[in-house]
Amino acid sequence: MACPDGPFLVRGDVDIVLPDGTPVPRTRKTVALCRCGLSTIKPFCDGTHRASGFRTG
């Protein structure tokens, strides 16, 4: 699910894989993935989109 002006929320048993094929370890059932490109913990969201003024539409 895409949050308005925020991250993608991924819920459930879904594998997350980087473009190079490296699997991303998950420690939670629900994770937020960065869409703004500014997170310091990519691919996860760290909330930077709020301060940057990121808008999706």
Protein backbone atom coordinates (compact mmCIF):
# COMPACT_ATOMS: atom_id res chain seq x y z
CA MET A 1 0.00 0.00 0.00
CA ALA A 2 1.34 3.45 -0.89
CA CYS A 3 0.92 6.10 1.80
CA PRO A 4 0.02 9.55 0.44
CA ASP A 5 3.26 11.57 0.27
CA GLY A 6 5.05 8.82 2.17
CA PRO A 7 6.45 5.30 2.01
CA PHE A 8 5.19 2.03 0.62
CA LEU A 9 3.91 -0.20 3.41
CA VAL A 10 4.63 -3.88 2.91
CA ARG A 11 2.69 -6.31 5.09
CA GLY A 12 2.92 -10.05 5.45
CA ASP A 13 5.29 -12.70 4.23
CA VAL A 14 6.88 -10.91 1.27
CA ASP A 15 10.52 -11.17 0.24
CA ILE A 16 12.25 -7.84 -0.37
CA VAL A 17 15.18 -8.00 -2.77
CA LEU A 18 17.57 -5.22 -3.84
CA PRO A 19 18.16 -4.57 -7.57
CA ASP A 20 21.38 -6.61 -7.42
CA GLY A 21 19.47 -9.62 -6.07
CA THR A 22 20.55 -9.26 -2.44
CA PRO A 23 17.74 -10.20 -0.07
CA VAL A 24 16.83 -7.61 2.57
CA PRO A 25 16.40 -9.09 6.04
CA ARG A 26 13.12 -8.26 7.78
CA THR A 27 12.51 -8.28 11.49
CA ARG A 28 8.89 -7.09 11.36
CA LYS A 29 5.70 -8.24 9.64
CA THR A 30 5.05 -4.69 8.36
CA VAL A 31 7.81 -2.48 6.96
CA ALA A 32 7.87 0.95 5.32
CA LEU A 33 9.94 1.30 2.15
CA CYS A 34 11.37 4.68 1.12
CA ARG A 35 9.87 6.40 -1.94
CA CYS A 36 11.54 9.82 -1.64
CA GLY A 37 15.09 8.47 -2.06
CA LEU A 38 16.43 10.45 0.91
CA SER A 39 16.26 7.86 3.70
CA THR A 40 19.51 7.08 5.49
CA ILE A 41 18.36 3.48 6.07
CA LYS A 42 17.30 2.55 2.51
CA PRO A 43 15.41 0.62 1.41
CA PHE A 44 13.48 1.40 4.61
CA CYS A 45 11.81 4.72 5.39
CA ASP A 46 13.27 6.87 8.17
CA GLY A 47 10.71 9.69 7.91
CA THR A 48 12.95 12.07 5.94
CA HIS A 49 10.15 12.58 3.39
CA ARG A 50 8.31 14.78 5.91
CA ALA A 51 11.14 17.29 6.32
CA SER A 52 11.98 17.27 2.61
CA GLY A 53 8.45 18.14 1.48
CA PHE A 54 8.18 14.99 -0.65
CA ARG A 55 4.92 14.87 -2.62
CA THR A 56 3.64 12.00 -4.74
CA GLY A 57 1.23 13.85 -6.95
